[in-house]
C-alpha atoms as a PDB file:
ATOM      1  CA  MET A   1      99.952  50.740 -79.891  1.00  0.00           C
ATOM      2  CA  LYS A   2      99.348  48.051 -77.301  1.00  0.00           C
ATOM      3  CA  GLU A   3     102.339  49.232 -75.261  1.00  0.00           C
ATOM      4  CA  ALA A   4     101.143  52.846 -75.320  1.00  0.00           C
ATOM      5  CA  ARG A   5      97.595  51.793 -74.237  1.00  0.00           C
ATOM      6  CA  LEU A   6      99.034  49.624 -71.444  1.00  0.00           C
ATOM      7  CA  ARG A   7     101.205  52.535 -70.234  1.00  0.00           C
ATOM      8  CA  THR A   8      98.174  54.886 -70.238  1.00  0.00           C
ATOM      9  CA  THR A   9      96.059  52.355 -68.372  1.00  0.00           C
ATOM     10  CA  PHE A  10      98.793  51.704 -65.819  1.00  0.00           C
ATOM     11  CA  PHE A  11      99.312  55.457 -65.342  1.00  0.00           C
ATOM     12  CA  LEU A  12      95.572  56.077 -64.834  1.00  0.00           C
ATOM     13  CA  LEU A  13      95.333  53.244 -62.347  1.00  0.00           C
ATOM     14  CA  LEU A  14      98.259  54.701 -60.341  1.00  0.00           C
ATOM     15  CA  LEU A  15      96.788  58.194 -60.580  1.00  0.00           C
ATOM     16  CA  GLY A  16      93.374  56.920 -59.413  1.00  0.00           C
ATOM     17  CA  GLY A  17      94.905  54.987 -56.550  1.00  0.00           C
ATOM     18  CA  ALA A  18      96.982  58.015 -55.471  1.00  0.00           C
ATOM     19  CA  LEU A  19      93.970  60.321 -55.614  1.00  0.00           C
ATOM     20  CA  LEU A  20      91.836  57.891 -53.587  1.00  0.00           C
ATOM     21  CA  LEU A  21      94.543  57.401 -50.977  1.00  0.00           C
ATOM     22  CA  THR A  22      95.043  61.198 -50.767  1.00  0.00           C
ATOM     23  CA  PHE A  23      91.337  61.687 -50.335  1.00  0.00           C
ATOM     24  CA  PHE A  24      91.196  59.289 -47.350  1.00  0.00           C
ATOM     25  CA  ILE A  25      94.189  61.064 -45.844  1.00  0.00           C
ATOM     26  CA  VAL A  26      92.688  64.514 -46.163  1.00  0.00           C
ATOM     27  CA  ARG A  27      88.998  63.558 -45.592  1.00  0.00           C
ATOM     28  CA  PRO A  28      89.034  64.213 -41.768  1.00  0.00           C
ATOM     29  CA  TYR A  29      90.222  67.762 -42.457  1.00  0.00           C
ATOM     30  CA  LEU A  30      88.138  68.691 -45.454  1.00  0.00           C
ATOM     31  CA  VAL A  31      85.716  70.890 -43.492  1.00  0.00           C
ATOM     32  CA  THR A  32      88.594  72.795 -41.862  1.00  0.00           C
ATOM     33  CA  LEU A  33      90.359  73.286 -45.200  1.00  0.00           C
ATOM     34  CA  ALA A  34      87.119  74.398 -46.845  1.00  0.00           C
ATOM     35  CA  VAL A  35      86.529  76.996 -44.076  1.00  0.00           C
ATOM     36  CA  ALA A  36      90.095  78.281 -44.448  1.00  0.00           C
ATOM     37  CA  ALA A  37      89.729  78.522 -48.254  1.00  0.00           C
ATOM     38  CA  THR A  38      86.411  80.390 -47.880  1.00  0.00           C
ATOM     39  CA  ALA A  39      87.965  82.854 -45.479  1.00  0.00           C
ATOM     40  CA  ALA A  40      90.874  83.427 -47.851  1.00  0.00           C
ATOM     41  CA  VAL A  41      88.461  84.158 -50.738  1.00  0.00           C
ATOM     42  CA  ILE A  42      86.215  86.462 -48.716  1.00  0.00           C
ATOM     43  CA  LEU A  43      89.091  88.399 -47.178  1.00  0.00           C
ATOM     44  CA  HIS A  44      91.076  88.570 -50.393  1.00  0.00           C
ATOM     45  CA  PRO A  45      90.492  92.328 -50.963  1.00  0.00           C
ATOM     46  CA  LEU A  46      91.914  93.114 -47.464  1.00  0.00           C
ATOM     47  CA  HIS A  47      94.916  90.848 -48.217  1.00  0.00           C
ATOM     48  CA  GLU A  48      95.578  92.683 -51.517  1.00  0.00           C
ATOM     49  CA  TRP A  49      95.526  96.032 -49.647  1.00  0.00           C
ATOM     50  CA  LEU A  50      97.992  94.760 -47.050  1.00  0.00           C
ATOM     51  CA  LEU A  51     100.132  93.383 -49.852  1.00  0.00           C
ATOM     52  CA  SER A  52     100.387  96.800 -51.433  1.00  0.00           C
ATOM     53  CA  LYS A  53     101.181  98.402 -48.010  1.00  0.00           C
ATOM     54  CA  THR A  54     103.969  95.880 -47.232  1.00  0.00           C
ATOM     55  CA  GLY A  55     105.914  96.416 -50.465  1.00  0.00           C
ATOM     56  CA  ASN A  56     104.394  93.374 -52.219  1.00  0.00           C
ATOM     57  CA  ARG A  57     105.812  90.870 -49.677  1.00  0.00           C
ATOM     58  CA  PRO A  58     103.374  87.908 -49.615  1.00  0.00           C
ATOM     59  CA  SER A  59     104.731  86.310 -46.476  1.00  0.00           C
ATOM     60  CA  VAL A  60     104.381  89.485 -44.386  1.00  0.00           C
ATOM     61  CA  ALA A  61     100.920  90.356 -45.757  1.00  0.00           C
ATOM     62  CA  ALA A  62      99.696  86.773 -45.113  1.00  0.00           C
ATOM     63  CA  PHE A  63     101.056  86.789 -41.592  1.00  0.00           C
ATOM     64  CA  LEU A  64      99.385  90.136 -40.802  1.00  0.00           C
ATOM     65  CA  MET A  65      96.096  88.744 -42.200  1.00  0.00           C
ATOM     66  CA  VAL A  66      96.367  85.704 -39.901  1.00  0.00           C
ATOM     67  CA  VAL A  67      96.992  87.941 -36.894  1.00  0.00           C
ATOM     68  CA  LEU A  68      94.075  90.206 -37.783  1.00  0.00           C
ATOM     69  CA  THR A  69      91.755  87.252 -38.407  1.00  0.00           C
ATOM     70  CA  ILE A  70      92.653  85.649 -35.060  1.00  0.00           C
ATOM     71  CA  LEU A  71      92.118  88.909 -33.148  1.00  0.00           C
ATOM     72  CA  LEU A  72      89.046  90.166 -34.899  1.00  0.00           C
ATOM     73  CA  LEU A  73      87.252  86.940 -35.880  1.00  0.00           C
ATOM     74  CA  LEU A  74      88.564  83.739 -34.205  1.00  0.00           C
ATOM     75  CA  ILE A  75      88.753  84.931 -30.653  1.00  0.00           C
ATOM     76  CA  PRO A  76      85.421  86.751 -30.665  1.00  0.00           C
ATOM     77  CA  LEU A  77      83.704  83.761 -32.340  1.00  0.00           C
ATOM     78  CA  THR A  78      85.149  81.463 -29.739  1.00  0.00           C
ATOM     79  CA  LEU A  79      83.883  83.626 -26.910  1.00  0.00           C
ATOM     80  CA  LEU A  80      80.534  83.868 -28.680  1.00  0.00           C
ATOM     81  CA  GLY A  81      80.304  80.126 -29.045  1.00  0.00           C
ATOM     82  CA  VAL A  82      81.077  79.511 -25.410  1.00  0.00           C
ATOM     83  CA  THR A  83      78.457  82.147 -24.330  1.00  0.00           C
ATOM     84  CA  ILE A  84      75.790  80.622 -26.640  1.00  0.00           C
ATOM     85  CA  ALA A  85      76.509  77.102 -25.306  1.00  0.00           C
ATOM     86  CA  ALA A  86      76.181  78.344 -21.692  1.00  0.00           C
ATOM     87  CA  GLU A  87      72.920  80.181 -22.363  1.00  0.00           C
ATOM     88  CA  ALA A  88      71.457  77.282 -24.283  1.00  0.00           C
ATOM     89  CA  THR A  89      72.256  74.984 -21.377  1.00  0.00           C
ATOM     90  CA  ASN A  90      70.702  77.415 -18.869  1.00  0.00           C
ATOM     91  CA  LEU A  91      67.596  77.979 -20.949  1.00  0.00           C
ATOM     92  CA  TYR A  92      67.191  74.188 -21.490  1.00  0.00           C
ATOM     93  CA  ALA A  93      67.379  73.682 -17.698  1.00  0.00           C
ATOM     94  CA  ALA A  94      64.770  76.422 -17.194  1.00  0.00           C
ATOM     95  CA  LEU A  95      62.450  74.804 -19.737  1.00  0.00           C
ATOM     96  CA  SER A  96      62.903  71.384 -18.231  1.00  0.00           C
ATOM     97  CA  GLY A  97      62.456  72.617 -14.682  1.00  0.00           C
ATOM     98  CA  GLY A  98      59.503  74.888 -15.434  1.00  0.00           C
ATOM     99  CA  THR A  99      61.220  77.884 -13.875  1.00  0.00           C
ATOM    100  CA  LEU A 100      60.524  80.422 -16.589  1.00  0.00           C
ATOM    101  CA  PRO A 101      58.279  83.363 -15.449  1.00  0.00           C
ATOM    102  CA  VAL A 102      55.788  82.703 -18.280  1.00  0.00           C
ATOM    103  CA  ASP A 103      55.213  79.456 -20.209  1.00  0.00           C
ATOM    104  CA  LEU A 104      54.960  81.323 -23.544  1.00  0.00           C
ATOM    105  CA  LEU A 105      55.395  78.107 -25.590  1.00  0.00           C
ATOM    106  CA  GLY A 106      52.617  76.436 -23.605  1.00  0.00           C
ATOM    107  CA  GLN A 107      50.265  79.348 -24.306  1.00  0.00           C
ATOM    108  CA  LEU A 108      51.076  79.133 -28.009  1.00  0.00           C
ATOM    109  CA  GLU A 109      50.265  75.409 -27.916  1.00  0.00           C
ATOM    110  CA  ASP A 110      46.897  76.158 -26.368  1.00  0.00           C
ATOM    111  CA  LEU A 111      46.251  78.800 -29.023  1.00  0.00           C
ATOM    112  CA  LEU A 112      47.104  76.332 -31.776  1.00  0.00           C
ATOM    113  CA  ARG A 113      44.893  73.670 -30.264  1.00  0.00           C
ATOM    114  CA  HIS A 114      42.011  76.115 -30.111  1.00  0.00           C
ATOM    115  CA  TYR A 115      42.178  76.967 -33.794  1.00  0.00           C
ATOM    116  CA  LEU A 116      43.553  73.572 -34.988  1.00  0.00           C
ATOM    117  CA  PRO A 117      42.022  70.932 -32.730  1.00  0.00           C
ATOM    118  CA  GLY A 118      43.529  68.025 -34.637  1.00  0.00           C
ATOM    119  CA  VAL A 119      47.088  69.272 -34.348  1.00  0.00           C
ATOM    120  CA  SER A 120      49.218  67.937 -31.508  1.00  0.00           C
ATOM    121  CA  LEU A 121      52.399  69.845 -30.716  1.00  0.00           C
ATOM    122  CA  ASN A 122      54.861  69.952 -27.849  1.00  0.00           C
ATOM    123  CA  LEU A 123      56.774  73.160 -28.447  1.00  0.00           C
ATOM    124  CA  ASN A 124      58.583  72.939 -25.130  1.00  0.00           C
ATOM    125  CA  GLU A 125      59.944  69.527 -26.058  1.00  0.00           C
ATOM    126  CA  TYR A 126      61.021  70.679 -29.538  1.00  0.00           C
ATOM    127  CA  ALA A 127      62.684  73.834 -28.126  1.00  0.00           C
ATOM    128  CA  GLY A 128      64.443  71.719 -25.510  1.00  0.00           C
ATOM    129  CA  GLN A 129      65.795  69.360 -28.139  1.00  0.00           C
ATOM    130  CA  GLY A 130      67.026  72.283 -30.218  1.00  0.00           C
ATOM    131  CA  LEU A 131      68.740  73.901 -27.267  1.00  0.00           C
ATOM    132  CA  GLN A 132      70.305  70.624 -26.218  1.00  0.00           C
ATOM    133  CA  TRP A 133      71.676  70.153 -29.741  1.00  0.00           C
ATOM    134  CA  ILE A 134      73.092  73.656 -29.856  1.00  0.00           C
ATOM    135  CA  ALA A 135      74.763  73.320 -26.442  1.00  0.00           C
ATOM    136  CA  SER A 136      76.170  69.820 -27.127  1.00  0.00           C
ATOM    137  CA  ASN A 137      77.627  70.786 -30.526  1.00  0.00           C
ATOM    138  CA  LEU A 138      79.183  74.010 -29.386  1.00  0.00           C
ATOM    139  CA  GLN A 139      80.526  72.542 -26.119  1.00  0.00           C
ATOM    140  CA  SER A 140      82.142  69.616 -27.950  1.00  0.00           C
ATOM    141  CA  PHE A 141      83.904  72.016 -30.333  1.00  0.00           C
ATOM    142  CA  PHE A 142      84.998  74.670 -27.770  1.00  0.00           C
ATOM    143  CA  ALA A 143      85.868  72.165 -25.074  1.00  0.00           C
ATOM    144  CA  GLY A 144      89.614  72.661 -25.714  1.00  0.00           C
ATOM    145  CA  THR A 145      90.281  69.028 -26.705  1.00  0.00           C
ATOM    146  CA  ILE A 146      93.467  68.117 -28.498  1.00  0.00           C
ATOM    147  CA  ARG A 147      91.594  67.494 -31.730  1.00  0.00           C
ATOM    148  CA  ALA A 148      89.803  70.870 -31.622  1.00  0.00           C
ATOM    149  CA  VAL A 149      93.091  72.694 -30.978  1.00  0.00           C
ATOM    150  CA  PHE A 150      94.746  70.729 -33.799  1.00  0.00           C
ATOM    151  CA  LEU A 151      91.967  71.586 -36.221  1.00  0.00           C
ATOM    152  CA  VAL A 152      92.172  75.269 -35.422  1.00  0.00           C
ATOM    153  CA  PHE A 153      95.949  75.175 -35.828  1.00  0.00           C
ATOM    154  CA  LEU A 154      95.595  73.322 -39.107  1.00  0.00           C
ATOM    155  CA  GLY A 155      93.014  75.871 -40.316  1.00  0.00           C
ATOM    156  CA  ILE A 156      95.335  78.791 -39.459  1.00  0.00           C
ATOM    157  CA  ILE A 157      98.256  77.146 -41.297  1.00  0.00           C
ATOM    158  CA  ALA A 158      96.126  76.395 -44.395  1.00  0.00           C
ATOM    159  CA  TYR A 159      94.707  79.924 -44.308  1.00  0.00           C
ATOM    160  CA  TYR A 160      98.191  81.467 -44.218  1.00  0.00           C
ATOM    161  CA  PHE A 161      99.443  79.398 -47.238  1.00  0.00           C
ATOM    162  CA  LEU A 162      96.262  79.959 -49.228  1.00  0.00           C
ATOM    163  CA  LEU A 163      96.779  83.721 -48.808  1.00  0.00           C
ATOM    164  CA  LYS A 164     100.504  83.594 -49.498  1.00  0.00           C
ATOM    165  CA  ASP A 165     100.484  81.123 -52.422  1.00  0.00           C
ATOM    166  CA  GLY A 166      96.883  81.202 -53.557  1.00  0.00           C
ATOM    167  CA  LYS A 167      97.731  82.611 -56.976  1.00  0.00           C
ATOM    168  CA  ARG A 168     100.318  79.909 -57.524  1.00  0.00           C
ATOM    169  CA  PHE A 169      97.824  77.206 -56.518  1.00  0.00           C
ATOM    170  CA  MET A 170      95.260  78.670 -58.874  1.00  0.00           C
ATOM    171  CA  GLU A 171      97.729  78.751 -61.835  1.00  0.00           C
ATOM    172  CA  ALA A 172      98.642  75.126 -61.136  1.00  0.00           C
ATOM    173  CA  LEU A 173      94.970  74.136 -61.255  1.00  0.00           C
ATOM    174  CA  ILE A 174      94.521  76.052 -64.544  1.00  0.00           C
ATOM    175  CA  ASP A 175      97.526  74.210 -66.051  1.00  0.00           C
ATOM    176  CA  LEU A 176      96.146  70.805 -64.959  1.00  0.00           C
ATOM    177  CA  SER A 177      92.578  71.518 -66.143  1.00  0.00           C
ATOM    178  CA  PRO A 178      91.509  70.131 -69.534  1.00  0.00           C
ATOM    179  CA  LEU A 179      89.535  73.354 -70.194  1.00  0.00           C
ATOM    180  CA  THR A 180      91.092  76.278 -71.933  1.00  0.00           C
ATOM    181  CA  ASP A 181      92.837  78.890 -69.829  1.00  0.00           C
ATOM    182  CA  LYS A 182      90.092  81.402 -70.672  1.00  0.00           C
ATOM    183  CA  GLU A 183      87.319  79.002 -69.587  1.00  0.00           C
ATOM    184  CA  ASP A 184      89.227  78.187 -66.377  1.00  0.00           C
ATOM    185  CA  ARG A 185      89.631  81.874 -65.524  1.00  0.00           C
ATOM    186  CA  GLN A 186      86.038  82.580 -66.351  1.00  0.00           C
ATOM    187  CA  LEU A 187      84.925  79.717 -64.073  1.00  0.00           C
ATOM    188  CA  ILE A 188      87.149  80.974 -61.221  1.00  0.00           C
ATOM    189  CA  LEU A 189      85.873  84.522 -61.559  1.00  0.00           C
ATOM    190  CA  ARG A 190      82.219  83.452 -61.545  1.00  0.00           C
ATOM    191  CA  LEU A 191      82.676  81.157 -58.638  1.00  0.00           C
ATOM    192  CA  ARG A 192      84.509  83.845 -56.659  1.00  0.00           C
ATOM    193  CA  ALA A 193      81.653  86.264 -57.437  1.00  0.00           C
ATOM    194  CA  ALA A 194      79.104  83.756 -56.315  1.00  0.00           C
ATOM    195  CA  VAL A 195      80.906  83.027 -53.049  1.00  0.00           C
ATOM    196  CA  ASN A 196      81.517  86.677 -52.297  1.00  0.00           C
ATOM    197  CA  SER A 197      77.914  87.606 -53.050  1.00  0.00           C
ATOM    198  CA  VAL A 198      76.422  84.905 -50.858  1.00  0.00           C
ATOM    199  CA  ILE A 199      78.864  84.908 -47.982  1.00  0.00           C
ATOM    200  CA  ARG A 200      79.817  88.596 -47.891  1.00  0.00           C
ATOM    201  CA  GLY A 201      76.318  89.695 -48.752  1.00  0.00           C
ATOM    202  CA  SER A 202      73.488  87.645 -47.356  1.00  0.00           C
ATOM    203  CA  LEU A 203      75.362  85.964 -44.503  1.00  0.00           C
ATOM    204  CA  ILE A 204      77.031  89.115 -43.235  1.00  0.00           C
ATOM    205  CA  ILE A 205      73.693  90.955 -43.385  1.00  0.00           C
ATOM    206  CA  ALA A 206      72.197  88.109 -41.369  1.00  0.00           C
ATOM    207  CA  VAL A 207      75.036  88.293 -38.810  1.00  0.00           C
ATOM    208  CA  LEU A 208      74.655  92.049 -38.450  1.00  0.00           C
ATOM    209  CA  GLN A 209      70.913  91.742 -37.928  1.00  0.00           C
ATOM    210  CA  GLY A 210      71.545  89.024 -35.366  1.00  0.00           C
ATOM    211  CA  VAL A 211      74.122  91.213 -33.537  1.00  0.00           C
ATOM    212  CA  THR A 212      71.750  94.252 -33.618  1.00  0.00           C
ATOM    213  CA  THR A 213      68.904  92.087 -32.325  1.00  0.00           C
ATOM    214  CA  GLY A 214      71.143  90.820 -29.507  1.00  0.00           C
ATOM    215  CA  ILE A 215      72.136  94.379 -28.571  1.00  0.00           C
ATOM    216  CA  GLY A 216      68.459  95.356 -28.401  1.00  0.00           C
ATOM    217  CA  LEU A 217      67.712  92.318 -26.180  1.00  0.00           C
ATOM    218  CA  LEU A 218      70.548  93.321 -23.896  1.00  0.00           C
ATOM    219  CA  ILE A 219      69.363  96.946 -23.724  1.00  0.00           C
ATOM    220  CA  PHE A 220      65.869  95.855 -22.672  1.00  0.00           C
ATOM    221  CA  ASP A 221      67.178  93.193 -20.245  1.00  0.00           C
ATOM    222  CA  VAL A 222      65.932  90.099 -22.016  1.00  0.00           C
ATOM    223  CA  PRO A 223      67.475  86.865 -20.679  1.00  0.00           C
ATOM    224  CA  SER A 224      69.656  84.702 -22.996  1.00  0.00           C
ATOM    225  CA  ALA A 225      70.230  87.718 -25.275  1.00  0.00           C
ATOM    226  CA  VAL A 226      73.286  86.283 -26.983  1.00  0.00           C
ATOM    227  CA  LEU A 227      71.574  82.997 -27.798  1.00  0.00           C
ATOM    228  CA  LEU A 228      68.433  84.678 -29.019  1.00  0.00           C
ATOM    229  CA  GLY A 229      70.421  87.148 -31.086  1.00  0.00           C
ATOM    230  CA  SER A 230      72.280  84.246 -32.717  1.00  0.00           C
ATOM    231  CA  LEU A 231      68.948  82.560 -33.529  1.00  0.00           C
ATOM    232  CA  ALA A 232      67.732  85.860 -34.950  1.00  0.00           C
ATOM    233  CA  GLY A 233      70.767  85.862 -37.277  1.00  0.00           C
ATOM    234  CA  VAL A 234      69.764  82.413 -38.611  1.00  0.00           C
ATOM    235  CA  GLY A 235      66.130  83.596 -38.808  1.00  0.00           C
ATOM    236  CA  ALA A 236      67.262  86.551 -40.912  1.00  0.00           C
ATOM    237  CA  LEU A 237      68.031  84.116 -43.703  1.00  0.00           C
ATOM    238  CA  ILE A 238      64.380  82.942 -43.819  1.00  0.00           C
ATOM    239  CA  PRO A 239      62.534  84.763 -46.595  1.00  0.00           C
ATOM    240  CA  THR A 240      59.769  87.118 -45.444  1.00  0.00           C
ATOM    241  CA  ILE A 241      60.176  86.010 -41.775  1.00  0.00           C
ATOM    242  CA  GLY A 242      63.612  87.274 -40.764  1.00  0.00           C
ATOM    243  CA  THR A 243      64.439  88.321 -37.243  1.00  0.00           C
ATOM    244  CA  SER A 244      60.741  88.421 -36.340  1.00  0.00           C
ATOM    245  CA  ILE A 245      61.060  84.705 -35.569  1.00  0.00           C
ATOM    246  CA  VAL A 246      62.798  85.841 -32.344  1.00  0.00           C
ATOM    247  CA  LEU A 247      61.534  89.386 -31.920  1.00  0.00           C
ATOM    248  CA  VAL A 248      57.818  88.609 -31.970  1.00  0.00           C
ATOM    249  CA  PRO A 249      57.878  85.848 -29.310  1.00  0.00           C
ATOM    250  CA  THR A 250      60.231  87.947 -27.204  1.00  0.00           C
ATOM    251  CA  VAL A 251      57.936  91.038 -27.335  1.00  0.00           C
ATOM    252  CA  LEU A 252      54.985  88.783 -26.379  1.00  0.00           C
ATOM    253  CA  TYR A 253      57.104  87.377 -23.466  1.00  0.00           C
ATOM    254  CA  LEU A 254      57.762  90.904 -22.237  1.00  0.00           C
ATOM    255  CA  VAL A 255      54.060  91.819 -22.497  1.00  0.00           C
ATOM    256  CA  PHE A 256      52.953  88.722 -20.620  1.00  0.00           C
ATOM    257  CA  THR A 257      55.450  89.420 -17.850  1.00  0.00           C
ATOM    258  CA  GLY A 258      54.191  93.045 -17.537  1.00  0.00           C
ATOM    259  CA  GLN A 259      57.338  94.712 -19.010  1.00  0.00           C
ATOM    260  CA  TYR A 260      55.338  97.010 -21.333  1.00  0.00           C
ATOM    261  CA  PHE A 261      58.040  99.687 -21.729  1.00  0.00           C
ATOM    262  CA  SER A 262      60.599  97.080 -22.703  1.00  0.00           C
ATOM    263  CA  ALA A 263      58.163  95.501 -25.118  1.00  0.00           C
ATOM    264  CA  ALA A 264      57.466  98.805 -26.780  1.00  0.00           C
ATOM    265  CA  GLY A 265      61.141  99.720 -26.910  1.00  0.00           C
ATOM    266  CA  LEU A 266      62.127  96.355 -28.421  1.00  0.00           C
ATOM    267  CA  THR A 267      59.406  96.711 -31.051  1.00  0.00           C
ATOM    268  CA  VAL A 268      60.705 100.100 -32.098  1.00  0.00           C
ATOM    269  CA  TRP A 269      64.254  98.822 -32.037  1.00  0.00           C
ATOM    270  CA  GLY A 270      63.372  95.889 -34.246  1.00  0.00           C
ATOM    271  CA  ALA A 271      61.514  98.022 -36.742  1.00  0.00           C
ATOM    272  CA  LEU A 272      64.199 100.752 -37.047  1.00  0.00           C
ATOM    273  CA  ALA A 273      67.625  99.449 -36.095  1.00  0.00           C
ATOM    274  CA  VAL A 274      67.250  95.811 -37.300  1.00  0.00           C
ATOM    275  CA  GLY A 275      64.863  96.463 -40.167  1.00  0.00           C
ATOM    276  CA  MET A 276      66.961  99.173 -41.863  1.00  0.00           C
ATOM    277  CA  ILE A 277      70.161  97.038 -42.010  1.00  0.00           C
ATOM    278  CA  ASP A 278      69.158  95.048 -45.070  1.00  0.00           C
ATOM    279  CA  ASN A 279      67.942  98.138 -46.984  1.00  0.00           C
ATOM    280  CA  VAL A 280      71.050 100.225 -46.249  1.00  0.00           C
ATOM    281  CA  LEU A 281      73.939  97.744 -46.208  1.00  0.00           C
ATOM    282  CA  HIS A 282      72.807  95.067 -48.689  1.00  0.00           C
ATOM    283  CA  PRO A 283      73.574  97.106 -51.805  1.00  0.00           C
ATOM    284  CA  MET A 284      76.951  98.207 -50.355  1.00  0.00           C
ATOM    285  CA  LEU A 285      78.044  94.626 -49.488  1.00  0.00           C
ATOM    286  CA  VAL A 286      76.626  92.674 -52.422  1.00  0.00           C
ATOM    287  CA  GLY A 287      76.915  95.245 -55.260  1.00  0.00           C
ATOM    288  CA  ARG A 288      76.272  93.743 -58.660  1.00  0.00           C
ATOM    289  CA  GLY A 289      77.690  90.335 -57.977  1.00  0.00           C
ATOM    290  CA  MET A 290      75.868  87.090 -58.592  1.00  0.00           C
ATOM    291  CA  ARG A 291      72.864  86.861 -56.286  1.00  0.00           C
ATOM    292  CA  MET A 292      71.005  83.872 -54.881  1.00  0.00           C
ATOM    293  CA  HIS A 293      67.409  83.777 -53.815  1.00  0.00           C
ATOM    294  CA  PRO A 294      67.083  83.954 -50.010  1.00  0.00           C
ATOM    295  CA  LEU A 295      65.135  80.635 -49.997  1.00  0.00           C
ATOM    296  CA  PHE A 296      68.116  78.747 -51.425  1.00  0.00           C
ATOM    297  CA  ILE A 297      70.435  80.480 -48.947  1.00  0.00           C
ATOM    298  CA  PHE A 298      68.285  79.448 -46.022  1.00  0.00           C
ATOM    299  CA  LEU A 299      67.991  75.832 -47.266  1.00  0.00           C
ATOM    300  CA  ALA A 300      71.753  75.805 -47.844  1.00  0.00           C
ATOM    301  CA  VAL A 301      72.416  77.048 -44.251  1.00  0.00           C
ATOM    302  CA  ILE A 302      69.981  74.564 -42.625  1.00  0.00           C
ATOM    303  CA  GLY A 303      71.157  71.665 -44.808  1.00  0.00           C
ATOM    304  CA  GLY A 304      74.823  72.611 -44.330  1.00  0.00           C
ATOM    305  CA  ILE A 305      74.443  72.663 -40.556  1.00  0.00           C
ATOM    306  CA  GLY A 306      72.793  69.219 -40.714  1.00  0.00           C
ATOM    307  CA  VAL A 307      75.670  67.827 -42.737  1.00  0.00           C
ATOM    308  CA  PHE A 308      78.775  69.680 -41.470  1.00  0.00           C
ATOM    309  CA  GLY A 309      77.659  70.805 -38.002  1.00  0.00           C
ATOM    310  CA  MET A 310      78.150  74.492 -37.092  1.00  0.00           C
ATOM    311  CA  ALA A 311      80.663  74.915 -39.912  1.00  0.00           C
ATOM    312  CA  GLY A 312      77.737  74.300 -42.274  1.00  0.00           C
ATOM    313  CA  PHE A 313      76.609  77.874 -41.706  1.00  0.00           C
ATOM    314  CA  ILE A 314      79.398  78.768 -44.106  1.00  0.00           C
ATOM    315  CA  LEU A 315      79.986  75.507 -46.071  1.00  0.00           C
ATOM    316  CA  GLY A 316      76.315  75.000 -46.989  1.00  0.00           C
ATOM    317  CA  PRO A 317      75.899  78.281 -48.813  1.00  0.00           C
ATOM    318  CA  LEU A 318      79.468  77.858 -50.274  1.00  0.00           C
ATOM    319  CA  ALA A 319      78.560  74.500 -51.854  1.00  0.00           C
ATOM    320  CA  VAL A 320      75.271  75.863 -53.263  1.00  0.00           C
ATOM    321  CA  SER A 321      76.930  79.015 -54.593  1.00  0.00           C
ATOM    322  CA  LEU A 322      79.491  76.846 -56.379  1.00  0.00           C
ATOM    323  CA  LEU A 323      76.654  74.879 -57.923  1.00  0.00           C
ATOM    324  CA  PHE A 324      74.907  78.041 -59.099  1.00  0.00           C
ATOM    325  CA  GLY A 325      78.212  79.346 -60.476  1.00  0.00           C
ATOM    326  CA  LEU A 326      78.639  76.169 -62.531  1.00  0.00           C
ATOM    327  CA  LEU A 327      75.036  76.305 -63.757  1.00  0.00           C
ATOM    328  CA  ASP A 328      75.490  79.881 -64.752  1.00  0.00           C
ATOM    329  CA  ILE A 329      78.582  78.995 -66.802  1.00  0.00           C
ATOM    330  CA  PHE A 330      76.730  76.039 -68.357  1.00  0.00           C
ATOM    331  CA  ARG A 331      73.904  78.422 -69.352  1.00  0.00           C
ATOM    332  CA  MET A 332      76.324  80.898 -70.867  1.00  0.00           C
ATOM    333  CA  GLU A 333      78.096  78.219 -72.858  1.00  0.00           C
ATOM    334  CA  ARG A 334      74.832  76.719 -74.126  1.00  0.00           C
ATOM    335  CA  THR A 335      73.503  80.083 -75.349  1.00  0.00           C
ATOM    336  CA  ALA A 336      76.845  81.157 -76.902  1.00  0.00           C
END
C-alpha cells in the first residue's frame, strides 16, 4: 500500500513538473495558438466542404484552407492594420498640431461645460492618447520584425495541423478527460456552439458594419475613413450605441465644415446600409446557436484588447464564450 501510494505521489509530481515546464515553454505563444485554434473552429464548415471535394484527403484540404486564409484574411488584415496605423498617426499629428478644419472635440467640451459646469474634460488629449495607442500597437506588430514573422509562421503551422489532425487531438483529449465520453462530447459541442455564435455572429456583424461605415466615409470623402470605419466596427459591439459613436460626430463634422450634401448622404447611408446589416444578416449567421448579450461581448472585447492587445478582439469573446458554455453545462447538469 505504501509503495503504491509512493509511486502515485512520485508520478503526480513528475506530471505536475512536466506540465509546469511545458506551460513556461509554450506561454510566449499561447495567444498565437489560441488565435489559430479559434480560426480552425470558425472555419471548420469550409474545411469539411473542402475535405469532401478533395476525396477525403486531410492534408490537401488543410493546405488549401491555409492558402485561402492567407489570401482572403491574413494579407487583407495586414494591409488594413498598416493603413489604420498610418491614419492614426496622421490624425494624432493633426490633433496635436491643431491643423484640423474644425475643432469638433473642443466644441463638444464647451457644450459639456455649459450643461455640466463641474465636469472637466480634455477630449483632444483622450483622443490623442487613444490614437497613439492604436498606432504604436499596430506598428509594433506589423513592423516586420523577426518575432512578428515567426509568430505568423507559427500560427500558420498550428492552424494547418489543427485542421488536419483536429479530430485526432479532440479524441485524445476525450480519452484523457476524467468525464464520461458523452459528457466530453456534450461539452465540446456546447463550447463550439458558443464560439461560433459569438465570433461568427456578433463579431462578423460588427466587422461588416465597420466595413460598410468605412465605405460610406470613403464615398463622402471623409478623412481617415479606414480608421474611423474600424472604430465603428468596435462601436457596433456597444449595446444601443453601435456605429453612431462614429457616424454622429462625423456627420456633425461635415455640417460644421459646410459639407451639407455629404452630411445628408452619410446620414442616409448610416440609416439604410449600415443599420440594415444587423437585421438582415444576424439571423443568417447566428441561427439558433448559443447567444450572448451584447453587453458581455463588448466588455469581453474591451477587456480582451487590454489583456492580449489587438488579438484580444477575438480572444476576449472566446474566453467569455467558453465560460458561458461551461456555465450552461453546469446549469443543465444541476437541473437534470
